[in-house]
Amino acid sequence: MQNGKKSISPNKLEKEKRMLSDYARYSNLAFKMIAVVLTAFFIGWQVDKWIHIGFPLFTLLFSAGALIAIMVLLIKEFSK
């Protein structure tokens, strides 16, 4: 400790950088997942309003498709 400044070890600094990088990576993934599900839900909802089936078929199909797409995205991301 010199001139009242605190010294940070290189290992601790590297660990903090890695933790921030992981946090950014996973929060980015979460926002992508939310965007995919909400977009699919909204498109399915609009198609259901346009077709007038009486049952939210396209909302369910598009939402299920979005969940499958998210699972593929997660598998690709975690296999890196």
C-alpha atoms as a PDB file:
ATOM      1  CA  MET A   1       0.000   0.000   0.000  1.00  0.00           C
ATOM      2  CA  GLN A   2       1.567   3.202  -1.169  1.00  0.00           C
ATOM      3  CA  ASN A   3       0.303   6.759  -0.797  1.00  0.00           C
ATOM      4  CA  GLY A   4      -2.919   5.534   0.786  1.00  0.00           C
ATOM      5  CA  LYS A   5      -3.983   3.596  -2.348  1.00  0.00           C
ATOM      6  CA  LYS A   6      -5.249   0.071  -2.019  1.00  0.00           C
ATOM      7  CA  SER A   7      -3.534  -2.507  -4.206  1.00  0.00           C
ATOM      8  CA  ILE A   8      -5.713  -5.071  -5.978  1.00  0.00           C
ATOM      9  CA  SER A   9      -4.122  -8.379  -6.893  1.00  0.00           C
ATOM     10  CA  PRO A  10      -4.162  -9.331 -10.589  1.00  0.00           C
ATOM     11  CA  ASN A  11      -5.983 -12.585  -9.791  1.00  0.00           C
ATOM     12  CA  LYS A  12      -8.792 -10.775  -8.022  1.00  0.00           C
ATOM     13  CA  LEU A  13      -9.098  -8.241 -10.847  1.00  0.00           C
ATOM     14  CA  GLU A  14      -9.239 -11.030 -13.443  1.00  0.00           C
ATOM     15  CA  LYS A  15     -11.887 -12.872 -11.408  1.00  0.00           C
ATOM     16  CA  GLU A  16     -14.045  -9.728 -11.187  1.00  0.00           C
ATOM     17  CA  LYS A  17     -13.731  -9.158 -14.947  1.00  0.00           C
ATOM     18  CA  ARG A  18     -14.787 -12.761 -15.612  1.00  0.00           C
ATOM     19  CA  MET A  19     -17.752 -12.431 -13.255  1.00  0.00           C
ATOM     20  CA  LEU A  20     -18.903  -9.245 -15.008  1.00  0.00           C
ATOM     21  CA  SER A  21     -18.459 -10.910 -18.396  1.00  0.00           C
ATOM     22  CA  ASP A  22     -20.542 -13.901 -17.285  1.00  0.00           C
ATOM     23  CA  TYR A  23     -23.201 -11.592 -15.865  1.00  0.00           C
ATOM     24  CA  ALA A  24     -23.408  -9.663 -19.146  1.00  0.00           C
ATOM     25  CA  ARG A  25     -23.570 -12.887 -21.144  1.00  0.00           C
ATOM     26  CA  TYR A  26     -26.404 -14.395 -19.108  1.00  0.00           C
ATOM     27  CA  SER A  27     -28.419 -11.191 -18.829  1.00  0.00           C
ATOM     28  CA  ASN A  28     -28.156 -10.779 -22.616  1.00  0.00           C
ATOM     29  CA  LEU A  29     -29.440 -14.327 -22.995  1.00  0.00           C
ATOM     30  CA  ALA A  30     -32.360 -13.600 -20.655  1.00  0.00           C
ATOM     31  CA  PHE A  31     -33.375 -10.525 -22.646  1.00  0.00           C
ATOM     32  CA  LYS A  32     -33.232 -12.531 -25.887  1.00  0.00           C
ATOM     33  CA  MET A  33     -35.477 -15.190 -24.349  1.00  0.00           C
ATOM     34  CA  ILE A  34     -38.013 -12.617 -23.176  1.00  0.00           C
ATOM     35  CA  ALA A  35     -38.018 -10.927 -26.581  1.00  0.00           C
ATOM     36  CA  VAL A  36     -38.575 -14.206 -28.436  1.00  0.00           C
ATOM     37  CA  VAL A  37     -41.456 -15.317 -26.206  1.00  0.00           C
ATOM     38  CA  LEU A  38     -43.200 -11.936 -26.218  1.00  0.00           C
ATOM     39  CA  THR A  39     -42.839 -11.555 -29.980  1.00  0.00           C
ATOM     40  CA  ALA A  40     -44.207 -15.044 -30.643  1.00  0.00           C
ATOM     41  CA  PHE A  41     -47.062 -14.499 -28.205  1.00  0.00           C
ATOM     42  CA  PHE A  42     -48.002 -11.160 -29.783  1.00  0.00           C
ATOM     43  CA  ILE A  43     -47.899 -12.530 -33.343  1.00  0.00           C
ATOM     44  CA  GLY A  44     -49.996 -15.562 -32.328  1.00  0.00           C
ATOM     45  CA  TRP A  45     -52.467 -13.310 -30.563  1.00  0.00           C
ATOM     46  CA  GLN A  46     -52.809 -11.089 -33.641  1.00  0.00           C
ATOM     47  CA  VAL A  47     -53.334 -14.106 -35.926  1.00  0.00           C
ATOM     48  CA  ASP A  48     -55.991 -15.463 -33.556  1.00  0.00           C
ATOM     49  CA  LYS A  49     -57.791 -12.108 -33.584  1.00  0.00           C
ATOM     50  CA  TRP A  50     -57.655 -12.063 -37.394  1.00  0.00           C
ATOM     51  CA  ILE A  51     -58.915 -15.654 -37.926  1.00  0.00           C
ATOM     52  CA  HIS A  52     -61.579 -15.766 -35.133  1.00  0.00           C
ATOM     53  CA  ILE A  53     -61.287 -19.453 -34.217  1.00  0.00           C
ATOM     54  CA  GLY A  54     -62.601 -18.961 -30.692  1.00  0.00           C
ATOM     55  CA  PHE A  55     -59.652 -20.844 -29.208  1.00  0.00           C
ATOM     56  CA  PRO A  56     -56.170 -19.286 -28.959  1.00  0.00           C
ATOM     57  CA  LEU A  57     -54.610 -21.931 -31.224  1.00  0.00           C
ATOM     58  CA  PHE A  58     -51.972 -19.767 -32.883  1.00  0.00           C
ATOM     59  CA  THR A  59     -51.016 -18.091 -29.615  1.00  0.00           C
ATOM     60  CA  LEU A  60     -50.331 -21.519 -28.141  1.00  0.00           C
ATOM     61  CA  LEU A  61     -48.532 -22.809 -31.228  1.00  0.00           C
ATOM     62  CA  PHE A  62     -46.323 -19.752 -31.604  1.00  0.00           C
ATOM     63  CA  SER A  63     -45.539 -19.672 -27.879  1.00  0.00           C
ATOM     64  CA  ALA A  64     -44.612 -23.372 -27.919  1.00  0.00           C
ATOM     65  CA  GLY A  65     -42.469 -22.761 -31.007  1.00  0.00           C
ATOM     66  CA  ALA A  66     -40.747 -19.897 -29.207  1.00  0.00           C
ATOM     67  CA  LEU A  67     -39.993 -22.132 -26.230  1.00  0.00           C
ATOM     68  CA  ILE A  68     -38.462 -24.728 -28.548  1.00  0.00           C
ATOM     69  CA  ALA A  69     -36.399 -21.997 -30.233  1.00  0.00           C
ATOM     70  CA  ILE A  70     -35.219 -20.795 -26.829  1.00  0.00           C
ATOM     71  CA  MET A  71     -34.159 -24.305 -25.856  1.00  0.00           C
ATOM     72  CA  VAL A  72     -32.123 -24.579 -29.074  1.00  0.00           C
ATOM     73  CA  LEU A  73     -30.585 -21.170 -28.362  1.00  0.00           C
ATOM     74  CA  LEU A  74     -29.686 -22.227 -24.811  1.00  0.00           C
ATOM     75  CA  ILE A  75     -28.134 -25.484 -25.988  1.00  0.00           C
ATOM     76  CA  LYS A  76     -26.047 -23.639 -28.574  1.00  0.00           C
ATOM     77  CA  GLU A  77     -24.976 -20.999 -26.064  1.00  0.00           C
ATOM     78  CA  PHE A  78     -23.995 -23.437 -23.320  1.00  0.00           C
ATOM     79  CA  SER A  79     -22.168 -25.788 -25.677  1.00  0.00           C
ATOM     80  CA  LYS A  80     -19.615 -23.044 -26.486  1.00  0.00           C
END
